[in-house]
Amino acid sequence: MIIDWLNGRRTVEVPCTIEIEQTPESLHAHVSLHAPFSIEPGDEVQVHDAPTTVPYGERLVVERTATVTRAGRIERLWTKLAGHLELTELYEVSFTERRRL
């Protein structure tokens, strides 16, 4: 808790809407937070009592509560840096000559 206080983390309870659909047209699950702020790098969201399945051919929309743990400045900066470094792993360039096997 002391590290969270030093880092600037804070926890906020917000209402949210969960939409789950499993039909021939679409297979998706979306959570819409009804918060006066946007989720940023390093933030954590935990949805309480969320349904995990819906029968095939149906769509379910429910209202629940979510706990958002806002990242502090240090954690947000670290998350952005780590994201950029991991993105560079996707850039693989090869300078080998093409050979026939």
C-alpha atoms as a PDB file:
ATOM      1  CA  MET A   1       0.000   0.000   0.000  1.00  0.00           C
ATOM      2  CA  ILE A   2       2.864   2.415   0.758  1.00  0.00           C
ATOM      3  CA  ILE A   3       4.350   1.821  -2.692  1.00  0.00           C
ATOM      4  CA  ASP A   4       0.920   2.419  -4.234  1.00  0.00           C
ATOM      5  CA  TRP A   5       0.673   5.698  -2.322  1.00  0.00           C
ATOM      6  CA  LEU A   6       4.154   6.795  -3.448  1.00  0.00           C
ATOM      7  CA  ASN A   7       3.420   5.775  -7.024  1.00  0.00           C
ATOM      8  CA  GLY A   8       0.088   7.636  -7.087  1.00  0.00           C
ATOM      9  CA  ARG A   9      -2.175   4.619  -7.685  1.00  0.00           C
ATOM     10  CA  ARG A  10      -5.822   5.076  -6.789  1.00  0.00           C
ATOM     11  CA  THR A  11      -8.877   2.872  -7.072  1.00  0.00           C
ATOM     12  CA  VAL A  12     -12.255   3.960  -8.449  1.00  0.00           C
ATOM     13  CA  GLU A  13     -15.563   2.041  -8.659  1.00  0.00           C
ATOM     14  CA  VAL A  14     -17.508   2.721 -11.872  1.00  0.00           C
ATOM     15  CA  PRO A  15     -20.654   1.275 -13.447  1.00  0.00           C
ATOM     16  CA  CYS A  16     -20.253  -0.583 -16.720  1.00  0.00           C
ATOM     17  CA  THR A  17     -22.250  -2.319 -19.432  1.00  0.00           C
ATOM     18  CA  ILE A  18     -21.263  -5.788 -20.624  1.00  0.00           C
ATOM     19  CA  GLU A  19     -22.392  -7.052 -24.025  1.00  0.00           C
ATOM     20  CA  ILE A  20     -21.791 -10.666 -25.038  1.00  0.00           C
ATOM     21  CA  GLU A  21     -23.011 -12.058 -28.344  1.00  0.00           C
ATOM     22  CA  GLN A  22     -22.619 -15.524 -29.854  1.00  0.00           C
ATOM     23  CA  THR A  23     -24.581 -15.631 -33.086  1.00  0.00           C
ATOM     24  CA  PRO A  24     -23.794 -16.711 -36.656  1.00  0.00           C
ATOM     25  CA  GLU A  25     -23.169 -13.034 -37.469  1.00  0.00           C
ATOM     26  CA  SER A  26     -20.934 -12.150 -34.525  1.00  0.00           C
ATOM     27  CA  LEU A  27     -18.902 -13.582 -31.663  1.00  0.00           C
ATOM     28  CA  HIS A  28     -17.782 -10.845 -29.276  1.00  0.00           C
ATOM     29  CA  ALA A  29     -17.677  -9.553 -25.720  1.00  0.00           C
ATOM     30  CA  HIS A  30     -17.432  -5.829 -24.961  1.00  0.00           C
ATOM     31  CA  VAL A  31     -17.245  -3.854 -21.731  1.00  0.00           C
ATOM     32  CA  SER A  32     -18.178  -0.167 -21.774  1.00  0.00           C
ATOM     33  CA  LEU A  33     -17.113   1.767 -18.694  1.00  0.00           C
ATOM     34  CA  HIS A  34     -19.317   4.668 -17.631  1.00  0.00           C
ATOM     35  CA  ALA A  35     -16.456   6.717 -16.205  1.00  0.00           C
ATOM     36  CA  PRO A  36     -15.593  10.412 -16.561  1.00  0.00           C
ATOM     37  CA  PHE A  37     -12.042   9.441 -17.602  1.00  0.00           C
ATOM     38  CA  SER A  38     -10.444   7.181 -20.203  1.00  0.00           C
ATOM     39  CA  ILE A  39      -8.347   4.118 -19.531  1.00  0.00           C
ATOM     40  CA  GLU A  40      -4.649   4.811 -20.034  1.00  0.00           C
ATOM     41  CA  PRO A  41      -1.506   2.641 -20.164  1.00  0.00           C
ATOM     42  CA  GLY A  42      -0.891   0.879 -16.857  1.00  0.00           C
ATOM     43  CA  ASP A  43      -4.492   1.097 -15.620  1.00  0.00           C
ATOM     44  CA  GLU A  44      -6.144  -2.124 -14.465  1.00  0.00           C
ATOM     45  CA  VAL A  45      -9.865  -2.940 -14.795  1.00  0.00           C
ATOM     46  CA  GLN A  46     -11.679  -5.705 -12.923  1.00  0.00           C
ATOM     47  CA  VAL A  47     -15.340  -6.308 -13.755  1.00  0.00           C
ATOM     48  CA  HIS A  48     -17.383  -7.794 -10.894  1.00  0.00           C
ATOM     49  CA  ASP A  49     -19.921 -10.610 -11.422  1.00  0.00           C
ATOM     50  CA  ALA A  50     -19.489 -10.623 -15.197  1.00  0.00           C
ATOM     51  CA  PRO A  51     -21.237 -13.414 -17.113  1.00  0.00           C
ATOM     52  CA  THR A  52     -18.768 -15.624 -18.957  1.00  0.00           C
ATOM     53  CA  THR A  53     -20.986 -17.471 -21.430  1.00  0.00           C
ATOM     54  CA  VAL A  54     -24.093 -16.971 -23.476  1.00  0.00           C
ATOM     55  CA  PRO A  55     -25.963 -19.728 -25.323  1.00  0.00           C
ATOM     56  CA  TYR A  56     -25.323 -19.983 -29.058  1.00  0.00           C
ATOM     57  CA  GLY A  57     -27.606 -17.714 -31.068  1.00  0.00           C
ATOM     58  CA  GLU A  58     -28.165 -15.247 -28.234  1.00  0.00           C
ATOM     59  CA  ARG A  59     -27.014 -11.785 -27.174  1.00  0.00           C
ATOM     60  CA  LEU A  60     -26.768 -10.660 -23.552  1.00  0.00           C
ATOM     61  CA  VAL A  61     -26.454  -7.097 -22.221  1.00  0.00           C
ATOM     62  CA  VAL A  62     -26.054  -6.574 -18.455  1.00  0.00           C
ATOM     63  CA  GLU A  63     -25.111  -3.745 -16.108  1.00  0.00           C
ATOM     64  CA  ARG A  64     -22.337  -4.412 -13.578  1.00  0.00           C
ATOM     65  CA  THR A  65     -19.704  -2.596 -11.529  1.00  0.00           C
ATOM     66  CA  ALA A  66     -15.986  -2.423 -12.324  1.00  0.00           C
ATOM     67  CA  THR A  67     -13.008  -1.479 -10.193  1.00  0.00           C
ATOM     68  CA  VAL A  68     -10.476   0.658 -12.045  1.00  0.00           C
ATOM     69  CA  THR A  69      -7.016   0.943 -10.521  1.00  0.00           C
ATOM     70  CA  ARG A  70      -5.390   4.008 -12.013  1.00  0.00           C
ATOM     71  CA  ALA A  71      -1.653   3.800 -12.622  1.00  0.00           C
ATOM     72  CA  GLY A  72       0.639   6.387 -11.113  1.00  0.00           C
ATOM     73  CA  ARG A  73       3.093   8.475 -13.128  1.00  0.00           C
ATOM     74  CA  ILE A  74       6.011   6.078 -12.719  1.00  0.00           C
ATOM     75  CA  GLU A  75       3.974   2.975 -13.618  1.00  0.00           C
ATOM     76  CA  ARG A  76       2.366   4.731 -16.611  1.00  0.00           C
ATOM     77  CA  LEU A  77       5.783   5.785 -17.924  1.00  0.00           C
ATOM     78  CA  TRP A  78       7.195   2.279 -17.425  1.00  0.00           C
ATOM     79  CA  THR A  79       4.201   0.694 -19.214  1.00  0.00           C
ATOM     80  CA  LYS A  80       4.616   3.017 -22.204  1.00  0.00           C
ATOM     81  CA  LEU A  81       8.348   2.309 -22.384  1.00  0.00           C
ATOM     82  CA  ALA A  82       7.857  -1.458 -22.116  1.00  0.00           C
ATOM     83  CA  GLY A  83       5.173  -1.326 -24.820  1.00  0.00           C
ATOM     84  CA  HIS A  84       7.494   0.488 -27.226  1.00  0.00           C
ATOM     85  CA  LEU A  85      10.331  -1.953 -26.524  1.00  0.00           C
ATOM     86  CA  GLU A  86       8.104  -4.979 -27.053  1.00  0.00           C
ATOM     87  CA  LEU A  87       6.743  -3.478 -30.263  1.00  0.00           C
ATOM     88  CA  THR A  88      10.260  -3.336 -31.677  1.00  0.00           C
ATOM     89  CA  GLU A  89      10.462  -7.130 -31.286  1.00  0.00           C
ATOM     90  CA  LEU A  90       7.929  -7.341 -34.111  1.00  0.00           C
ATOM     91  CA  TYR A  91      10.356  -5.611 -36.477  1.00  0.00           C
ATOM     92  CA  GLU A  92      12.513  -8.429 -37.750  1.00  0.00           C
ATOM     93  CA  VAL A  93      14.664  -7.591 -40.701  1.00  0.00           C
ATOM     94  CA  SER A  94      16.847 -10.148 -42.393  1.00  0.00           C
ATOM     95  CA  PHE A  95      19.741  -9.360 -44.684  1.00  0.00           C
ATOM     96  CA  THR A  96      20.489 -12.900 -45.729  1.00  0.00           C
ATOM     97  CA  GLU A  97      20.687 -13.716 -49.387  1.00  0.00           C
ATOM     98  CA  ARG A  98      17.947 -15.820 -50.881  1.00  0.00           C
ATOM     99  CA  ARG A  99      18.941 -19.396 -51.557  1.00  0.00           C
ATOM    100  CA  ARG A 100      17.162 -22.305 -53.070  1.00  0.00           C
ATOM    101  CA  LEU A 101      16.920 -25.434 -50.972  1.00  0.00           C
END
